[in-house]
N, C-alpha and C. Protein backbone atom coordinates (compact mmCIF):
# COMPACT_ATOMS: atom_id res chain seq x y z
N MET A 1 -20.66 -6.74 -11.89
CA MET A 1 -19.68 -7.17 -10.91
C MET A 1 -18.29 -6.84 -11.44
N ALA A 2 -17.42 -6.34 -10.58
CA ALA A 2 -16.06 -5.97 -10.96
C ALA A 2 -15.17 -7.20 -10.95
N LYS A 3 -14.17 -7.15 -11.81
CA LYS A 3 -13.22 -8.24 -11.90
C LYS A 3 -11.82 -7.67 -11.74
N LEU A 4 -11.06 -8.22 -10.80
CA LEU A 4 -9.69 -7.76 -10.57
C LEU A 4 -8.79 -8.38 -11.63
N ILE A 5 -8.09 -7.54 -12.39
CA ILE A 5 -7.28 -8.06 -13.48
C ILE A 5 -5.78 -7.89 -13.24
N ARG A 6 -5.41 -7.39 -12.08
CA ARG A 6 -3.99 -7.26 -11.76
C ARG A 6 -3.77 -7.65 -10.31
N PRO A 7 -2.57 -8.14 -9.99
CA PRO A 7 -2.28 -8.47 -8.58
C PRO A 7 -2.34 -7.19 -7.73
N SER A 8 -2.81 -7.32 -6.51
CA SER A 8 -2.92 -6.14 -5.66
C SER A 8 -2.67 -6.45 -4.20
N TRP A 9 -2.41 -5.39 -3.44
CA TRP A 9 -2.28 -5.44 -1.99
C TRP A 9 -3.30 -4.47 -1.44
N ALA A 10 -3.49 -4.49 -0.14
CA ALA A 10 -4.36 -3.52 0.52
C ALA A 10 -3.56 -2.81 1.60
N ILE A 11 -3.82 -1.54 1.76
CA ILE A 11 -3.18 -0.73 2.80
C ILE A 11 -4.28 -0.13 3.65
N ARG A 12 -4.11 -0.15 4.98
CA ARG A 12 -5.05 0.52 5.87
C ARG A 12 -4.40 1.80 6.35
N CYS A 13 -5.10 2.90 6.19
CA CYS A 13 -4.61 4.20 6.65
C CYS A 13 -4.46 4.15 8.17
N THR A 14 -3.40 4.74 8.68
CA THR A 14 -3.15 4.69 10.12
C THR A 14 -3.59 5.95 10.86
N GLN A 15 -4.19 6.89 10.16
CA GLN A 15 -4.70 8.08 10.82
C GLN A 15 -5.88 7.69 11.71
N SER A 16 -5.88 8.15 12.95
CA SER A 16 -6.90 7.72 13.92
C SER A 16 -8.32 8.08 13.49
N SER A 17 -8.49 9.14 12.73
CA SER A 17 -9.83 9.53 12.31
C SER A 17 -10.24 8.91 10.98
N CYS A 18 -9.33 8.17 10.33
CA CYS A 18 -9.61 7.66 8.99
C CYS A 18 -9.76 6.13 8.98
N LYS A 19 -8.66 5.41 9.07
CA LYS A 19 -8.64 3.93 9.07
C LYS A 19 -9.21 3.31 7.79
N THR A 20 -9.17 4.02 6.67
CA THR A 20 -9.68 3.51 5.40
C THR A 20 -8.79 2.40 4.86
N LEU A 21 -9.38 1.33 4.36
CA LEU A 21 -8.66 0.25 3.71
C LEU A 21 -8.78 0.48 2.21
N PHE A 22 -7.62 0.61 1.52
CA PHE A 22 -7.68 0.83 0.08
C PHE A 22 -6.69 -0.07 -0.63
N GLU A 23 -6.99 -0.35 -1.89
CA GLU A 23 -6.22 -1.29 -2.69
C GLU A 23 -5.11 -0.56 -3.45
N VAL A 24 -3.94 -1.20 -3.51
CA VAL A 24 -2.81 -0.68 -4.28
C VAL A 24 -2.24 -1.80 -5.13
N ALA A 25 -1.63 -1.46 -6.25
CA ALA A 25 -1.05 -2.46 -7.14
C ALA A 25 0.24 -3.01 -6.54
N LYS A 26 0.50 -4.30 -6.74
CA LYS A 26 1.78 -4.88 -6.31
C LYS A 26 2.90 -4.27 -7.13
N THR A 27 4.03 -4.09 -6.50
CA THR A 27 5.19 -3.54 -7.20
C THR A 27 6.15 -4.66 -7.57
N GLU A 28 7.05 -4.37 -8.49
CA GLU A 28 8.08 -5.34 -8.84
C GLU A 28 9.03 -5.49 -7.67
N ASN A 29 9.73 -6.62 -7.60
CA ASN A 29 10.65 -6.88 -6.49
C ASN A 29 11.65 -5.75 -6.32
N GLY A 30 11.79 -5.28 -5.09
CA GLY A 30 12.77 -4.25 -4.75
C GLY A 30 12.33 -2.83 -5.04
N LYS A 31 11.17 -2.63 -5.63
CA LYS A 31 10.71 -1.27 -5.94
C LYS A 31 9.67 -0.83 -4.93
N GLN A 32 9.69 0.46 -4.64
CA GLN A 32 8.70 1.04 -3.75
C GLN A 32 7.87 2.07 -4.51
N GLN A 33 6.70 2.38 -3.98
CA GLN A 33 5.82 3.34 -4.61
C GLN A 33 5.14 4.17 -3.54
N GLU A 34 4.88 5.43 -3.85
CA GLU A 34 4.16 6.30 -2.93
C GLU A 34 2.70 6.35 -3.35
N VAL A 35 1.80 6.23 -2.38
CA VAL A 35 0.36 6.31 -2.64
C VAL A 35 -0.26 7.30 -1.66
N VAL A 36 -1.46 7.74 -1.99
CA VAL A 36 -2.19 8.70 -1.16
C VAL A 36 -3.52 8.08 -0.76
N CYS A 37 -3.86 8.16 0.51
CA CYS A 37 -5.15 7.66 0.98
C CYS A 37 -6.27 8.43 0.27
N PRO A 38 -7.21 7.72 -0.35
CA PRO A 38 -8.28 8.41 -1.09
C PRO A 38 -9.26 9.15 -0.19
N ASN A 39 -9.25 8.84 1.10
CA ASN A 39 -10.21 9.46 2.02
C ASN A 39 -9.64 10.72 2.69
N CYS A 40 -8.40 10.64 3.21
CA CYS A 40 -7.87 11.77 3.98
C CYS A 40 -6.66 12.44 3.35
N GLY A 41 -6.04 11.80 2.35
CA GLY A 41 -4.90 12.43 1.68
C GLY A 41 -3.54 12.13 2.30
N GLU A 42 -3.47 11.25 3.29
CA GLU A 42 -2.20 10.88 3.91
C GLU A 42 -1.34 10.12 2.90
N HIS A 43 -0.03 10.41 2.88
CA HIS A 43 0.89 9.76 1.95
C HIS A 43 1.55 8.56 2.61
N TYR A 44 1.71 7.47 1.83
CA TYR A 44 2.37 6.25 2.29
C TYR A 44 3.33 5.76 1.22
N VAL A 45 4.46 5.16 1.66
CA VAL A 45 5.38 4.49 0.76
C VAL A 45 5.27 3.01 1.06
N TYR A 46 5.08 2.20 0.03
CA TYR A 46 4.95 0.76 0.22
C TYR A 46 5.73 0.05 -0.84
N PRO A 47 6.08 -1.19 -0.70
CA PRO A 47 6.10 -1.91 0.57
C PRO A 47 7.25 -1.40 1.43
N ILE A 48 7.15 -1.65 2.72
CA ILE A 48 8.22 -1.29 3.64
C ILE A 48 9.33 -2.32 3.47
N LEU A 49 10.55 -1.87 3.19
CA LEU A 49 11.68 -2.77 3.00
C LEU A 49 12.61 -2.71 4.21
N ASP A 50 13.17 -3.84 4.61
CA ASP A 50 14.12 -3.85 5.70
C ASP A 50 15.50 -3.48 5.15
N GLU A 51 16.54 -3.55 6.01
CA GLU A 51 17.88 -3.13 5.63
C GLU A 51 18.44 -3.93 4.44
N GLN A 52 18.05 -5.19 4.30
CA GLN A 52 18.55 -6.04 3.22
C GLN A 52 17.70 -5.93 1.96
N GLY A 53 16.67 -5.11 1.98
CA GLY A 53 15.82 -4.96 0.81
C GLY A 53 14.71 -5.99 0.72
N ASN A 54 14.46 -6.71 1.82
CA ASN A 54 13.38 -7.70 1.85
C ASN A 54 12.09 -7.02 2.31
N TYR A 55 10.94 -7.54 1.85
CA TYR A 55 9.66 -6.99 2.26
C TYR A 55 9.45 -7.21 3.74
N ASN A 56 8.95 -6.17 4.41
CA ASN A 56 8.62 -6.24 5.83
C ASN A 56 7.11 -6.23 5.93
N GLU A 57 6.50 -7.40 5.83
CA GLU A 57 5.05 -7.50 5.87
C GLU A 57 4.58 -7.69 7.29
N GLU A 58 3.92 -6.69 7.83
CA GLU A 58 3.45 -6.73 9.22
C GLU A 58 1.97 -6.97 9.23
């Protein structure tokens, strides 16, 4: 059985043919990171920050 040893978030790919849910590591406050969907290769930047630099969790 696997054990999660770091805080994480999940991202769902928005490509209509993919929709894969994959895990990404939490970032430090105010930092963003680019990730690639392991299934289709689509690039995402997370977390989405609003104009004031606050997380926009939808």
